[in-house]
C-alpha atoms as a PDB file:
ATOM      1  CA  MET A   1    -109.309 -51.753-195.073  1.00  0.00           C
ATOM      2  CA  TRP A   2    -110.240 -48.091-195.639  1.00  0.00           C
ATOM      3  CA  ASP A   3    -110.672 -46.302-199.204  1.00  0.00           C
ATOM      4  CA  VAL A   4    -108.570 -43.784-200.491  1.00  0.00           C
ATOM      5  CA  PRO A   5    -110.676 -40.745-199.607  1.00  0.00           C
ATOM      6  CA  ARG A   6    -110.832 -42.049-195.618  1.00  0.00           C
ATOM      7  CA  LYS A   7    -106.938 -42.347-195.760  1.00  0.00           C
ATOM      8  CA  ARG A   8    -106.732 -38.803-197.456  1.00  0.00           C
ATOM      9  CA  TYR A   9    -109.015 -37.143-194.808  1.00  0.00           C
ATOM     10  CA  VAL A  10    -107.057 -38.675-191.847  1.00  0.00           C
ATOM     11  CA  SER A  11    -103.589 -38.434-193.382  1.00  0.00           C
ATOM     12  CA  GLU A  12    -104.395 -34.445-193.730  1.00  0.00           C
ATOM     13  CA  ARG A  13    -104.853 -34.319-189.831  1.00  0.00           C
ATOM     14  CA  VAL A  14    -102.503 -36.811-188.618  1.00  0.00           C
ATOM     15  CA  HIS A  15     -98.965 -37.440-189.639  1.00  0.00           C
ATOM     16  CA  PHE A  16     -97.258 -40.846-188.991  1.00  0.00           C
ATOM     17  CA  GLU A  17     -94.018 -42.328-190.241  1.00  0.00           C
ATOM     18  CA  THR A  18     -95.327 -45.803-191.251  1.00  0.00           C
ATOM     19  CA  PRO A  19     -98.902 -47.309-191.598  1.00  0.00           C
ATOM     20  CA  GLU A  20     -98.034 -50.124-188.754  1.00  0.00           C
ATOM     21  CA  ARG A  21     -99.498 -48.385-185.695  1.00  0.00           C
ATOM     22  CA  PRO A  22    -102.661 -46.936-187.539  1.00  0.00           C
ATOM     23  CA  ASP A  23    -103.272 -50.450-189.094  1.00  0.00           C
ATOM     24  CA  SER A  24    -102.924 -51.988-185.729  1.00  0.00           C
ATOM     25  CA  VAL A  25    -105.355 -49.628-184.106  1.00  0.00           C
ATOM     26  CA  ILE A  26    -107.749 -50.163-186.994  1.00  0.00           C
ATOM     27  CA  LYS A  27    -107.327 -54.052-186.569  1.00  0.00           C
ATOM     28  CA  LEU A  28    -107.827 -53.834-182.914  1.00  0.00           C
ATOM     29  CA  SER A  29    -110.962 -51.830-182.970  1.00  0.00           C
ATOM     30  CA  LYS A  30    -112.439 -54.154-185.698  1.00  0.00           C
ATOM     31  CA  ASN A  31    -111.517 -57.131-183.308  1.00  0.00           C
ATOM     32  CA  TYR A  32    -113.791 -55.382-180.634  1.00  0.00           C
ATOM     33  CA  GLY A  33    -116.709 -55.280-183.225  1.00  0.00           C
ATOM     34  CA  LEU A  34    -116.348 -51.670-184.765  1.00  0.00           C
ATOM     35  CA  ASN A  35    -116.860 -51.697-188.571  1.00  0.00           C
ATOM     36  CA  ASP A  36    -115.166 -49.270-191.035  1.00  0.00           C
ATOM     37  CA  ALA A  37    -117.804 -46.689-190.996  1.00  0.00           C
ATOM     38  CA  GLN A  38    -117.742 -46.644-186.910  1.00  0.00           C
ATOM     39  CA  ILE A  39    -113.959 -46.389-186.836  1.00  0.00           C
ATOM     40  CA  THR A  40    -114.078 -43.518-189.429  1.00  0.00           C
ATOM     41  CA  LEU A  41    -116.487 -41.490-187.478  1.00  0.00           C
ATOM     42  CA  LEU A  42    -114.407 -42.111-184.183  1.00  0.00           C
ATOM     43  CA  VAL A  43    -111.265 -41.078-185.979  1.00  0.00           C
ATOM     44  CA  LYS A  44    -113.053 -37.911-187.299  1.00  0.00           C
ATOM     45  CA  LYS A  45    -113.625 -37.091-183.760  1.00  0.00           C
ATOM     46  CA  LEU A  46    -110.059 -37.973-182.589  1.00  0.00           C
ATOM     47  CA  PRO A  47    -107.640 -38.401-185.233  1.00  0.00           C
ATOM     48  CA  ARG A  48    -104.702 -39.024-182.961  1.00  0.00           C
ATOM     49  CA  LEU A  49    -106.339 -42.140-182.025  1.00  0.00           C
ATOM     50  CA  LEU A  50    -104.538 -43.905-184.994  1.00  0.00           C
ATOM     51  CA  LEU A  51    -101.185 -42.771-183.232  1.00  0.00           C
ATOM     52  CA  TYR A  52    -101.852 -44.333-179.876  1.00  0.00           C
ATOM     53  CA  ASN A  53    -100.213 -47.340-178.906  1.00  0.00           C
ATOM     54  CA  PRO A  54    -102.454 -50.539-179.447  1.00  0.00           C
ATOM     55  CA  ASP A  55    -100.842 -52.169-176.339  1.00  0.00           C
ATOM     56  CA  THR A  56    -102.356 -49.318-174.143  1.00  0.00           C
ATOM     57  CA  LEU A  57    -105.646 -49.339-176.068  1.00  0.00           C
ATOM     58  CA  LEU A  58    -106.226 -53.050-175.645  1.00  0.00           C
ATOM     59  CA  PRO A  59    -106.914 -53.182-171.796  1.00  0.00           C
ATOM     60  CA  LYS A  60    -109.492 -50.078-172.218  1.00  0.00           C
ATOM     61  CA  LEU A  61    -111.179 -51.932-175.167  1.00  0.00           C
ATOM     62  CA  ALA A  62    -111.123 -55.395-173.083  1.00  0.00           C
ATOM     63  CA  PHE A  63    -112.633 -53.675-169.966  1.00  0.00           C
ATOM     64  CA  PHE A  64    -115.282 -52.275-171.983  1.00  0.00           C
ATOM     65  CA  GLY A  65    -115.902 -55.518-173.745  1.00  0.00           C
ATOM     66  CA  SER A  66    -115.976 -57.225-170.189  1.00  0.00           C
ATOM     67  CA  LEU A  67    -119.119 -54.918-169.548  1.00  0.00           C
ATOM     68  CA  GLY A  68    -120.758 -56.170-172.652  1.00  0.00           C
ATOM     69  CA  PHE A  69    -120.094 -53.271-174.963  1.00  0.00           C
ATOM     70  CA  SER A  70    -119.005 -54.352-178.502  1.00  0.00           C
ATOM     71  CA  GLY A  71    -120.295 -53.275-182.178  1.00  0.00           C
ATOM     72  CA  THR A  72    -122.782 -50.539-182.181  1.00  0.00           C
ATOM     73  CA  ASP A  73    -122.772 -50.117-178.265  1.00  0.00           C
ATOM     74  CA  LEU A  74    -119.047 -49.657-177.928  1.00  0.00           C
ATOM     75  CA  ALA A  75    -119.139 -47.285-181.141  1.00  0.00           C
ATOM     76  CA  ASN A  76    -121.637 -45.320-179.502  1.00  0.00           C
ATOM     77  CA  ALA A  77    -120.074 -44.864-176.258  1.00  0.00           C
ATOM     78  CA  LEU A  78    -116.642 -44.073-177.774  1.00  0.00           C
ATOM     79  CA  PHE A  79    -118.228 -41.506-180.175  1.00  0.00           C
ATOM     80  CA  HIS A  80    -119.874 -39.713-177.228  1.00  0.00           C
ATOM     81  CA  ASN A  81    -116.796 -39.591-175.167  1.00  0.00           C
ATOM     82  CA  PRO A  82    -113.803 -40.477-177.526  1.00  0.00           C
ATOM     83  CA  MET A  83    -111.462 -38.603-174.752  1.00  0.00           C
ATOM     84  CA  ILE A  84    -111.986 -41.808-172.395  1.00  0.00           C
ATOM     85  CA  LEU A  85    -109.315 -43.646-174.822  1.00  0.00           C
ATOM     86  CA  THR A  86    -106.648 -41.142-173.732  1.00  0.00           C
ATOM     87  CA  ARG A  87    -107.280 -41.717-169.934  1.00  0.00           C
ATOM     88  CA  SER A  88    -105.600 -44.184-167.812  1.00  0.00           C
ATOM     89  CA  LEU A  89    -107.262 -47.378-167.333  1.00  0.00           C
ATOM     90  CA  GLU A  90    -106.216 -47.668-163.732  1.00  0.00           C
ATOM     91  CA  LYS A  91    -105.946 -44.020-162.466  1.00  0.00           C
ATOM     92  CA  CYS A  92    -109.458 -42.924-164.187  1.00  0.00           C
ATOM     93  CA  ILE A  93    -111.682 -45.224-166.056  1.00  0.00           C
ATOM     94  CA  LEU A  94    -111.948 -47.855-163.300  1.00  0.00           C
ATOM     95  CA  PRO A  95    -112.293 -45.483-160.572  1.00  0.00           C
ATOM     96  CA  CYS A  96    -114.909 -43.528-162.405  1.00  0.00           C
ATOM     97  CA  PHE A  97    -116.762 -46.510-163.359  1.00  0.00           C
ATOM     98  CA  ASP A  98    -116.678 -47.820-160.021  1.00  0.00           C
ATOM     99  CA  MET A  99    -118.248 -44.626-158.456  1.00  0.00           C
ATOM    100  CA  ILE A 100    -121.061 -44.393-161.075  1.00  0.00           C
ATOM    101  CA  LYS A 101    -121.757 -47.915-160.896  1.00  0.00           C
ATOM    102  CA  SER A 102    -122.234 -47.449-157.027  1.00  0.00           C
ATOM    103  CA  ILE A 103    -125.128 -45.100-158.169  1.00  0.00           C
ATOM    104  CA  VAL A 104    -126.494 -46.597-161.245  1.00  0.00           C
ATOM    105  CA  VAL A 105    -128.130 -49.806-161.352  1.00  0.00           C
ATOM    106  CA  GLU A 106    -127.417 -50.858-165.020  1.00  0.00           C
ATOM    107  CA  ASP A 107    -123.891 -50.960-166.309  1.00  0.00           C
ATOM    108  CA  LYS A 108    -124.602 -49.840-169.949  1.00  0.00           C
ATOM    109  CA  SER A 109    -126.557 -46.714-168.637  1.00  0.00           C
ATOM    110  CA  CYS A 110    -123.261 -45.440-167.441  1.00  0.00           C
ATOM    111  CA  TYR A 111    -121.548 -44.798-170.633  1.00  0.00           C
ATOM    112  CA  PHE A 112    -123.970 -41.762-171.242  1.00  0.00           C
ATOM    113  CA  LEU A 113    -122.670 -39.991-168.483  1.00  0.00           C
END
């Protein structure tokens, strides 16, 4: 898992009662190919990510996975726009992606917008 300096950095910015939710978010991120360094960078940009409900993150990560994003590609996309994880999949992410996809030919080029 994470080393002590990483946990200390995050704990100074985010306060949680138990480690269950942060551990679940980290495990879920790893299931989609992110490594410790990538997760650390993402959490530095969006510390409250560790407080998110894994059940609401899962469909978003699954959607990005269905587009072929995993590991480094997924980490880069999320690092450039971590706030996308705060948006509703049905109300925001899917409609925006469909609109962008109608303009852009290659799906993976959409994440830079």
